[in-house]
Amino acid sequence: MKFVFDLDGTICFKGKPLSNGIVQCLKDLNKEDVMFASARPIRDMLPVLPKDFHSYTLIGGNGSLIYKNGKLLYARTFTKDQLQTVLQLIEEQEATFLIDGDWNYAYTGPIDHPIVNNIDQGKLAQQVSVEQLSSVVKVLIVTMNDYVTFVDQLQQLDITVHEHCNERLIDLSPNHIHKWNALQTLGITENSYIAFGNDANDISMFQYAAYAVMIDYHDRLAPFADEQIAYQTNGEQAIVDKIRALAQTGMLKTN
């Protein structure tokens, strides 16, 4: 059995790299049984992971990117028509955005927005215009005139829409792209992994997990969780203890 970890708000906090305690805990597990699945593109996953984790299996862009052994294995992009429609709605809403290609990105949001702290922390990519991106794997709407109306408009399109309600961000991916889809692409089957997550974009991987652990509380994710850990109460040590406890039950092989 494998472990699949979301990053931000699950084992990575406030945009900072994984703590030493969590890193050591994960190193005690079999490398082939540990995967990371994030809304971040691969470019932005690497800086928060130790260098020796960069060869692990990484699922980025909510499932639109798969990276393993330092190579990009899979990228699912928006069609030209889909992107054109999204950009038209962005213009009508006077919205700002972070648009990711498979490596480079375009950003038009406020320079002091918290999301800026998580963009290309490792200085691995280039900020370019949308027109300079050869393909687009993910669109994050940062600001807009009318959040509710914009979500409704986007949900009418043939794309995947994830809301981050607390931050009032809207995450867009090509249709049928989600973390469970990426796991299936990797040959992972239902009930063959343990999932850790904290947000609505983790629902798909929780639904098909043998066991699912929710960090803190999200009302849409909660119905699919087997257990909750209150991070603010117990801190990262509680997460480490839970990983070790699940490993010790024999659900996951350790080195």
C-alpha atoms as a PDB file:
ATOM      1  CA  MET A   1       0.000   0.000   0.000  1.00  0.00           C
ATOM      2  CA  LYS A   2       1.129   3.523  -0.829  1.00  0.00           C
ATOM      3  CA  PHE A   3       0.863   6.965   0.760  1.00  0.00           C
ATOM      4  CA  VAL A   4      -0.319   9.966  -1.280  1.00  0.00           C
ATOM      5  CA  PHE A   5       0.263  13.365   0.337  1.00  0.00           C
ATOM      6  CA  ASP A   6      -1.150  16.731  -0.619  1.00  0.00           C
ATOM      7  CA  LEU A   7       1.340  19.494   0.206  1.00  0.00           C
ATOM      8  CA  ASP A   8      -0.021  22.921   1.226  1.00  0.00           C
ATOM      9  CA  GLY A   9      -2.002  22.801   4.441  1.00  0.00           C
ATOM     10  CA  THR A  10      -1.401  19.061   4.772  1.00  0.00           C
ATOM     11  CA  ILE A  11       2.327  18.441   5.314  1.00  0.00           C
ATOM     12  CA  CYS A  12       3.631  21.826   4.127  1.00  0.00           C
ATOM     13  CA  PHE A  13       2.591  25.018   5.913  1.00  0.00           C
ATOM     14  CA  LYS A  14       2.686  28.743   5.103  1.00  0.00           C
ATOM     15  CA  GLY A  15       4.616  28.080   1.909  1.00  0.00           C
ATOM     16  CA  LYS A  16       7.639  26.816   3.832  1.00  0.00           C
ATOM     17  CA  PRO A  17       9.522  23.579   3.031  1.00  0.00           C
ATOM     18  CA  LEU A  18       8.603  20.353   4.782  1.00  0.00           C
ATOM     19  CA  SER A  19       9.766  20.311   8.387  1.00  0.00           C
ATOM     20  CA  ASN A  20      12.668  18.113   9.447  1.00  0.00           C
ATOM     21  CA  GLY A  21      10.313  15.903  11.431  1.00  0.00           C
ATOM     22  CA  ILE A  22       8.043  15.197   8.477  1.00  0.00           C
ATOM     23  CA  VAL A  23      11.011  14.720   6.129  1.00  0.00           C
ATOM     24  CA  GLN A  24      12.602  12.133   8.417  1.00  0.00           C
ATOM     25  CA  CYS A  25       9.283  10.354   8.867  1.00  0.00           C
ATOM     26  CA  LEU A  26       8.818  10.064   5.094  1.00  0.00           C
ATOM     27  CA  LYS A  27      12.407   8.921   4.593  1.00  0.00           C
ATOM     28  CA  ASP A  28      11.668   5.981   6.890  1.00  0.00           C
ATOM     29  CA  LEU A  29       9.120   4.757   4.347  1.00  0.00           C
ATOM     30  CA  ASN A  30       9.813   2.924   1.108  1.00  0.00           C
ATOM     31  CA  LYS A  31      10.483   5.561  -1.573  1.00  0.00           C
ATOM     32  CA  GLU A  32       8.294   3.759  -4.110  1.00  0.00           C
ATOM     33  CA  ASP A  33       5.366   3.904  -1.693  1.00  0.00           C
ATOM     34  CA  VAL A  34       5.401   7.696  -1.229  1.00  0.00           C
ATOM     35  CA  MET A  35       3.828  10.150  -3.680  1.00  0.00           C
ATOM     36  CA  PHE A  36       3.003  13.843  -3.506  1.00  0.00           C
ATOM     37  CA  ALA A  37      -0.120  15.282  -5.175  1.00  0.00           C
ATOM     38  CA  SER A  38      -0.569  19.046  -5.158  1.00  0.00           C
ATOM     39  CA  ALA A  39      -2.445  21.883  -6.820  1.00  0.00           C
ATOM     40  CA  ARG A  40       0.995  23.425  -7.350  1.00  0.00           C
ATOM     41  CA  PRO A  41       2.699  22.850 -10.696  1.00  0.00           C
ATOM     42  CA  ILE A  42       5.826  20.698 -10.499  1.00  0.00           C
ATOM     43  CA  ARG A  43       7.962  23.855 -10.674  1.00  0.00           C
ATOM     44  CA  ASP A  44       6.503  25.033  -7.362  1.00  0.00           C
ATOM     45  CA  MET A  45       6.509  21.625  -5.659  1.00  0.00           C
ATOM     46  CA  LEU A  46      10.272  21.176  -5.923  1.00  0.00           C
ATOM     47  CA  PRO A  47      11.341  24.084  -3.649  1.00  0.00           C
ATOM     48  CA  VAL A  48       9.329  22.796  -0.656  1.00  0.00           C
ATOM     49  CA  LEU A  49      10.648  19.236  -0.991  1.00  0.00           C
ATOM     50  CA  PRO A  50      14.167  18.064  -0.074  1.00  0.00           C
ATOM     51  CA  LYS A  51      16.365  17.507  -3.138  1.00  0.00           C
ATOM     52  CA  ASP A  52      16.414  13.757  -2.614  1.00  0.00           C
ATOM     53  CA  PHE A  53      12.597  13.797  -2.863  1.00  0.00           C
ATOM     54  CA  HIS A  54      12.721  15.354  -6.339  1.00  0.00           C
ATOM     55  CA  SER A  55      12.999  11.872  -7.868  1.00  0.00           C
ATOM     56  CA  TYR A  56       9.821  10.700  -6.107  1.00  0.00           C
ATOM     57  CA  THR A  57       6.529  10.521  -7.974  1.00  0.00           C
ATOM     58  CA  LEU A  58       5.056  14.055  -8.073  1.00  0.00           C
ATOM     59  CA  ILE A  59       1.528  14.865  -9.244  1.00  0.00           C
ATOM     60  CA  GLY A  60       1.140  18.582  -9.961  1.00  0.00           C
ATOM     61  CA  GLY A  61      -1.555  20.948 -11.166  1.00  0.00           C
ATOM     62  CA  ASN A  62      -4.292  18.893  -9.443  1.00  0.00           C
ATOM     63  CA  GLY A  63      -3.429  15.963 -11.699  1.00  0.00           C
ATOM     64  CA  SER A  64      -2.528  17.668 -14.972  1.00  0.00           C
ATOM     65  CA  LEU A  65       1.198  16.962 -14.511  1.00  0.00           C
ATOM     66  CA  ILE A  66       3.102  13.816 -13.513  1.00  0.00           C
ATOM     67  CA  TYR A  67       6.830  13.948 -12.795  1.00  0.00           C
ATOM     68  CA  LYS A  68       9.074  11.045 -11.751  1.00  0.00           C
ATOM     69  CA  ASN A  69      12.812  10.463 -11.495  1.00  0.00           C
ATOM     70  CA  GLY A  70      13.387  14.099 -12.468  1.00  0.00           C
ATOM     71  CA  LYS A  71      11.411  13.870 -15.709  1.00  0.00           C
ATOM     72  CA  LEU A  72       8.012  15.079 -16.815  1.00  0.00           C
ATOM     73  CA  LEU A  73       6.031  11.969 -17.769  1.00  0.00           C
ATOM     74  CA  TYR A  74       2.601  13.419 -18.449  1.00  0.00           C
ATOM     75  CA  ALA A  75       0.968  16.779 -19.142  1.00  0.00           C
ATOM     76  CA  ARG A  76      -2.723  17.345 -19.876  1.00  0.00           C
ATOM     77  CA  THR A  77      -3.410  20.762 -21.398  1.00  0.00           C
ATOM     78  CA  PHE A  78      -6.388  22.941 -22.215  1.00  0.00           C
ATOM     79  CA  THR A  79      -7.496  22.919 -25.835  1.00  0.00           C
ATOM     80  CA  LYS A  80      -7.113  26.141 -27.785  1.00  0.00           C
ATOM     81  CA  ASP A  81     -10.886  26.700 -27.755  1.00  0.00           C
ATOM     82  CA  GLN A  82     -11.164  26.059 -24.007  1.00  0.00           C
ATOM     83  CA  LEU A  83      -8.375  28.507 -23.225  1.00  0.00           C
ATOM     84  CA  GLN A  84      -9.850  31.138 -25.534  1.00  0.00           C
ATOM     85  CA  THR A  85     -13.232  30.884 -23.774  1.00  0.00           C
ATOM     86  CA  VAL A  86     -11.649  31.111 -20.320  1.00  0.00           C
ATOM     87  CA  LEU A  87      -9.602  34.147 -21.354  1.00  0.00           C
ATOM     88  CA  GLN A  88     -12.717  35.824 -22.698  1.00  0.00           C
ATOM     89  CA  LEU A  89     -14.516  35.336 -19.365  1.00  0.00           C
ATOM     90  CA  ILE A  90     -11.423  36.619 -17.557  1.00  0.00           C
ATOM     91  CA  GLU A  91     -11.568  39.794 -19.637  1.00  0.00           C
ATOM     92  CA  GLU A  92     -15.295  40.256 -18.951  1.00  0.00           C
ATOM     93  CA  GLN A  93     -14.728  39.814 -15.206  1.00  0.00           C
ATOM     94  CA  GLU A  94     -11.615  42.028 -15.223  1.00  0.00           C
ATOM     95  CA  ALA A  95      -9.994  39.104 -13.450  1.00  0.00           C
ATOM     96  CA  THR A  96      -6.324  38.582 -12.639  1.00  0.00           C
ATOM     97  CA  PHE A  97      -4.677  35.186 -12.798  1.00  0.00           C
ATOM     98  CA  LEU A  98      -1.778  32.781 -12.499  1.00  0.00           C
ATOM     99  CA  ILE A  99      -1.667  30.653 -15.658  1.00  0.00           C
ATOM    100  CA  ASP A 100       0.740  27.726 -15.718  1.00  0.00           C
ATOM    101  CA  GLY A 101       2.339  26.036 -18.678  1.00  0.00           C
ATOM    102  CA  ASP A 102       4.162  22.779 -18.049  1.00  0.00           C
ATOM    103  CA  TRP A 103       7.032  24.890 -16.630  1.00  0.00           C
ATOM    104  CA  ASN A 104       6.796  28.658 -17.279  1.00  0.00           C
ATOM    105  CA  TYR A 105       3.919  30.859 -16.115  1.00  0.00           C
ATOM    106  CA  ALA A 106       1.997  34.105 -16.624  1.00  0.00           C
ATOM    107  CA  TYR A 107       0.858  36.193 -13.642  1.00  0.00           C
ATOM    108  CA  THR A 108      -1.248  39.373 -13.627  1.00  0.00           C
ATOM    109  CA  GLY A 109      -2.427  39.480 -10.007  1.00  0.00           C
ATOM    110  CA  PRO A 110      -1.490  41.947  -7.263  1.00  0.00           C
ATOM    111  CA  ILE A 111       2.213  41.927  -6.449  1.00  0.00           C
ATOM    112  CA  ASP A 112       1.406  41.762  -2.732  1.00  0.00           C
ATOM    113  CA  HIS A 113      -1.055  38.869  -2.954  1.00  0.00           C
ATOM    114  CA  PRO A 114      -0.091  35.923  -0.654  1.00  0.00           C
ATOM    115  CA  ILE A 115      -0.023  33.561  -3.647  1.00  0.00           C
ATOM    116  CA  VAL A 116       3.058  35.394  -4.946  1.00  0.00           C
ATOM    117  CA  ASN A 117       5.115  33.880  -2.129  1.00  0.00           C
ATOM    118  CA  ASN A 118       4.526  30.399  -3.580  1.00  0.00           C
ATOM    119  CA  ILE A 119       5.269  31.166  -7.231  1.00  0.00           C
ATOM    120  CA  ASP A 120       8.598  29.862  -8.537  1.00  0.00           C
ATOM    121  CA  GLN A 121      10.363  30.044  -5.178  1.00  0.00           C
ATOM    122  CA  GLY A 122      13.282  28.132  -6.668  1.00  0.00           C
ATOM    123  CA  LYS A 123      13.672  30.540  -9.625  1.00  0.00           C
ATOM    124  CA  LEU A 124      13.371  27.583 -11.986  1.00  0.00           C
ATOM    125  CA  ALA A 125      11.072  29.122 -14.597  1.00  0.00           C
ATOM    126  CA  GLN A 126      10.312  32.325 -16.480  1.00  0.00           C
ATOM    127  CA  GLN A 127       7.381  34.684 -16.110  1.00  0.00           C
ATOM    128  CA  VAL A 128       6.012  35.280 -19.609  1.00  0.00           C
ATOM    129  CA  SER A 129       2.823  36.471 -21.290  1.00  0.00           C
ATOM    130  CA  VAL A 130      -0.027  34.025 -21.888  1.00  0.00           C
ATOM    131  CA  GLU A 131       0.723  34.197 -25.603  1.00  0.00           C
ATOM    132  CA  GLN A 132       4.255  32.941 -24.954  1.00  0.00           C
ATOM    133  CA  LEU A 133       3.052  29.763 -23.220  1.00  0.00           C
ATOM    134  CA  SER A 134       3.105  26.893 -25.708  1.00  0.00           C
ATOM    135  CA  SER A 135       0.488  25.067 -23.649  1.00  0.00           C
ATOM    136  CA  VAL A 136      -1.573  25.661 -20.487  1.00  0.00           C
ATOM    137  CA  VAL A 137      -2.191  23.033 -17.790  1.00  0.00           C
ATOM    138  CA  LYS A 138      -3.794  25.130 -15.036  1.00  0.00           C
ATOM    139  CA  VAL A 139      -5.445  28.506 -14.477  1.00  0.00           C
ATOM    140  CA  LEU A 140      -5.789  30.078 -11.037  1.00  0.00           C
ATOM    141  CA  ILE A 141      -8.145  33.062 -10.868  1.00  0.00           C
ATOM    142  CA  VAL A 142      -6.780  35.423  -8.224  1.00  0.00           C
ATOM    143  CA  THR A 143      -9.162  38.403  -8.268  1.00  0.00           C
ATOM    144  CA  MET A 144     -12.409  39.082 -10.113  1.00  0.00           C
ATOM    145  CA  ASN A 145     -15.403  41.428 -10.049  1.00  0.00           C
ATOM    146  CA  ASP A 146     -18.030  38.900  -8.938  1.00  0.00           C
ATOM    147  CA  TYR A 147     -16.837  35.608  -7.426  1.00  0.00           C
ATOM    148  CA  VAL A 148     -20.212  33.822  -7.391  1.00  0.00           C
ATOM    149  CA  THR A 149     -21.138  34.797 -10.936  1.00  0.00           C
ATOM    150  CA  PHE A 150     -17.709  33.891 -12.247  1.00  0.00           C
ATOM    151  CA  VAL A 151     -17.800  30.432 -10.653  1.00  0.00           C
ATOM    152  CA  ASP A 152     -21.216  29.847 -12.189  1.00  0.00           C
ATOM    153  CA  GLN A 153     -19.973  30.902 -15.635  1.00  0.00           C
ATOM    154  CA  LEU A 154     -16.907  28.680 -15.412  1.00  0.00           C
ATOM    155  CA  GLN A 155     -18.921  25.668 -14.273  1.00  0.00           C
ATOM    156  CA  GLN A 156     -20.886  25.841 -17.522  1.00  0.00           C
ATOM    157  CA  LEU A 157     -17.706  25.063 -19.466  1.00  0.00           C
ATOM    158  CA  ASP A 158     -16.248  21.653 -20.227  1.00  0.00           C
ATOM    159  CA  ILE A 159     -13.451  22.060 -17.688  1.00  0.00           C
ATOM    160  CA  THR A 160     -12.748  21.119 -14.067  1.00  0.00           C
ATOM    161  CA  VAL A 161     -13.399  23.888 -11.511  1.00  0.00           C
ATOM    162  CA  HIS A 162     -12.095  23.794  -7.926  1.00  0.00           C
ATOM    163  CA  GLU A 163     -13.048  26.546  -5.475  1.00  0.00           C
ATOM    164  CA  HIS A 164     -10.746  27.611  -2.648  1.00  0.00           C
ATOM    165  CA  CYS A 165     -13.518  29.424  -0.819  1.00  0.00           C
ATOM    166  CA  ASN A 166     -11.501  30.660   2.156  1.00  0.00           C
ATOM    167  CA  GLU A 167      -8.999  32.398  -0.120  1.00  0.00           C
ATOM    168  CA  ARG A 168     -11.634  33.207  -2.791  1.00  0.00           C
ATOM    169  CA  LEU A 169      -9.467  31.622  -5.461  1.00  0.00           C
ATOM    170  CA  ILE A 170     -10.785  29.593  -8.406  1.00  0.00           C
ATOM    171  CA  ASP A 171      -8.666  26.744  -9.767  1.00  0.00           C
ATOM    172  CA  LEU A 172      -9.260  25.565 -13.346  1.00  0.00           C
ATOM    173  CA  SER A 173      -7.965  22.404 -15.011  1.00  0.00           C
ATOM    174  CA  PRO A 174      -8.783  20.557 -18.231  1.00  0.00           C
ATOM    175  CA  ASN A 175     -11.890  18.375 -17.985  1.00  0.00           C
ATOM    176  CA  HIS A 176     -11.612  15.080 -16.074  1.00  0.00           C
ATOM    177  CA  ILE A 177      -8.377  16.231 -14.477  1.00  0.00           C
ATOM    178  CA  HIS A 178      -8.124  15.551 -10.766  1.00  0.00           C
ATOM    179  CA  LYS A 179      -5.760  13.742  -8.436  1.00  0.00           C
ATOM    180  CA  TRP A 180      -7.504  10.367  -8.728  1.00  0.00           C
ATOM    181  CA  ASN A 181      -7.263  10.559 -12.511  1.00  0.00           C
ATOM    182  CA  ALA A 182      -3.491  11.029 -12.219  1.00  0.00           C
ATOM    183  CA  LEU A 183      -3.197   8.133  -9.775  1.00  0.00           C
ATOM    184  CA  GLN A 184      -5.033   5.907 -12.241  1.00  0.00           C
ATOM    185  CA  THR A 185      -2.672   7.055 -14.999  1.00  0.00           C
ATOM    186  CA  LEU A 186       0.157   5.777 -12.791  1.00  0.00           C
ATOM    187  CA  GLY A 187      -1.571   2.404 -12.425  1.00  0.00           C
ATOM    188  CA  ILE A 188      -2.789   3.000  -8.869  1.00  0.00           C
ATOM    189  CA  THR A 189      -5.983   1.118  -8.085  1.00  0.00           C
ATOM    190  CA  GLU A 190      -8.863   1.751  -5.684  1.00  0.00           C
ATOM    191  CA  ASN A 191      -8.196   0.979  -2.002  1.00  0.00           C
ATOM    192  CA  SER A 192      -4.465   0.537  -2.600  1.00  0.00           C
ATOM    193  CA  TYR A 193      -3.260   3.744  -0.958  1.00  0.00           C
ATOM    194  CA  ILE A 194      -3.618   6.012   2.076  1.00  0.00           C
ATOM    195  CA  ALA A 195      -4.393   9.676   1.375  1.00  0.00           C
ATOM    196  CA  PHE A 196      -3.598  12.812   3.380  1.00  0.00           C
ATOM    197  CA  GLY A 197      -5.246  16.086   2.325  1.00  0.00           C
ATOM    198  CA  ASN A 198      -7.001  19.234   3.492  1.00  0.00           C
ATOM    199  CA  ASP A 199      -9.087  20.795   0.715  1.00  0.00           C
ATOM    200  CA  ALA A 200     -11.843  20.149  -1.823  1.00  0.00           C
ATOM    201  CA  ASN A 201      -9.319  19.300  -4.543  1.00  0.00           C
ATOM    202  CA  ASP A 202      -8.436  16.214  -2.471  1.00  0.00           C
ATOM    203  CA  ILE A 203     -11.963  14.764  -2.679  1.00  0.00           C
ATOM    204  CA  SER A 204     -11.282  12.514  -5.651  1.00  0.00           C
ATOM    205  CA  MET A 205      -8.256  10.846  -4.076  1.00  0.00           C
ATOM    206  CA  PHE A 206     -10.096  10.487  -0.737  1.00  0.00           C
ATOM    207  CA  GLN A 207     -13.022   8.758  -2.454  1.00  0.00           C
ATOM    208  CA  TYR A 208     -10.884   5.881  -3.705  1.00  0.00           C
ATOM    209  CA  ALA A 209      -8.382   5.598  -0.839  1.00  0.00           C
ATOM    210  CA  ALA A 210      -8.208   2.652   1.544  1.00  0.00           C
ATOM    211  CA  TYR A 211      -7.910   5.226   4.338  1.00  0.00           C
ATOM    212  CA  ALA A 212      -8.099   9.032   4.198  1.00  0.00           C
ATOM    213  CA  VAL A 213      -6.790  11.539   6.770  1.00  0.00           C
ATOM    214  CA  MET A 214      -8.023  15.136   6.664  1.00  0.00           C
ATOM    215  CA  ILE A 215      -5.806  17.855   8.163  1.00  0.00           C
ATOM    216  CA  ASP A 216      -7.883  20.487   9.975  1.00  0.00           C
ATOM    217  CA  TYR A 217     -11.427  20.747   8.601  1.00  0.00           C
ATOM    218  CA  HIS A 218     -13.009  21.334   5.224  1.00  0.00           C
ATOM    219  CA  ASP A 219     -16.775  20.910   4.995  1.00  0.00           C
ATOM    220  CA  ARG A 220     -16.730  19.468   1.460  1.00  0.00           C
ATOM    221  CA  LEU A 221     -13.838  17.083   2.145  1.00  0.00           C
ATOM    222  CA  ALA A 222     -15.036  15.884   5.549  1.00  0.00           C
ATOM    223  CA  PRO A 223     -17.666  13.374   4.282  1.00  0.00           C
ATOM    224  CA  PHE A 224     -14.895  11.447   2.519  1.00  0.00           C
ATOM    225  CA  ALA A 225     -12.402  11.397   5.418  1.00  0.00           C
ATOM    226  CA  ASP A 226     -11.886   8.452   7.753  1.00  0.00           C
ATOM    227  CA  GLU A 227     -10.086  10.597  10.312  1.00  0.00           C
ATOM    228  CA  GLN A 228      -9.309  14.229  11.086  1.00  0.00           C
ATOM    229  CA  ILE A 229      -6.177  15.754  12.614  1.00  0.00           C
ATOM    230  CA  ALA A 230      -6.515  19.290  13.964  1.00  0.00           C
ATOM    231  CA  TYR A 231      -3.207  20.835  12.983  1.00  0.00           C
ATOM    232  CA  GLN A 232      -3.673  23.956  15.078  1.00  0.00           C
ATOM    233  CA  THR A 233      -4.187  21.832  18.176  1.00  0.00           C
ATOM    234  CA  ASN A 234      -1.564  19.114  17.786  1.00  0.00           C
ATOM    235  CA  GLY A 235       0.871  20.501  15.275  1.00  0.00           C
ATOM    236  CA  GLU A 236       3.055  18.579  12.857  1.00  0.00           C
ATOM    237  CA  GLN A 237       3.979  15.988  15.474  1.00  0.00           C
ATOM    238  CA  ALA A 238       0.431  14.629  15.345  1.00  0.00           C
ATOM    239  CA  ILE A 239       0.796  14.163  11.575  1.00  0.00           C
ATOM    240  CA  VAL A 240       4.131  12.379  12.000  1.00  0.00           C
ATOM    241  CA  ASP A 241       2.641  10.139  14.681  1.00  0.00           C
ATOM    242  CA  LYS A 242      -0.281   9.228  12.435  1.00  0.00           C
ATOM    243  CA  ILE A 243       1.984   8.366   9.485  1.00  0.00           C
ATOM    244  CA  ARG A 244       4.110   6.137  11.705  1.00  0.00           C
ATOM    245  CA  ALA A 245       1.051   4.512  13.258  1.00  0.00           C
ATOM    246  CA  LEU A 246      -0.413   3.669   9.848  1.00  0.00           C
ATOM    247  CA  ALA A 247       2.939   2.283   8.710  1.00  0.00           C
ATOM    248  CA  GLN A 248       3.213   0.128  11.812  1.00  0.00           C
ATOM    249  CA  THR A 249      -0.181  -1.456  11.228  1.00  0.00           C
ATOM    250  CA  GLY A 250       1.304  -3.225   8.231  1.00  0.00           C
ATOM    251  CA  MET A 251      -0.811  -1.214   5.772  1.00  0.00           C
ATOM    252  CA  LEU A 252       2.418   0.135   4.299  1.00  0.00           C
ATOM    253  CA  LYS A 253       5.814  -1.509   3.983  1.00  0.00           C
ATOM    254  CA  THR A 254       8.749   0.337   5.517  1.00  0.00           C
ATOM    255  CA  ASN A 255      12.465   0.002   4.815  1.00  0.00           C
END
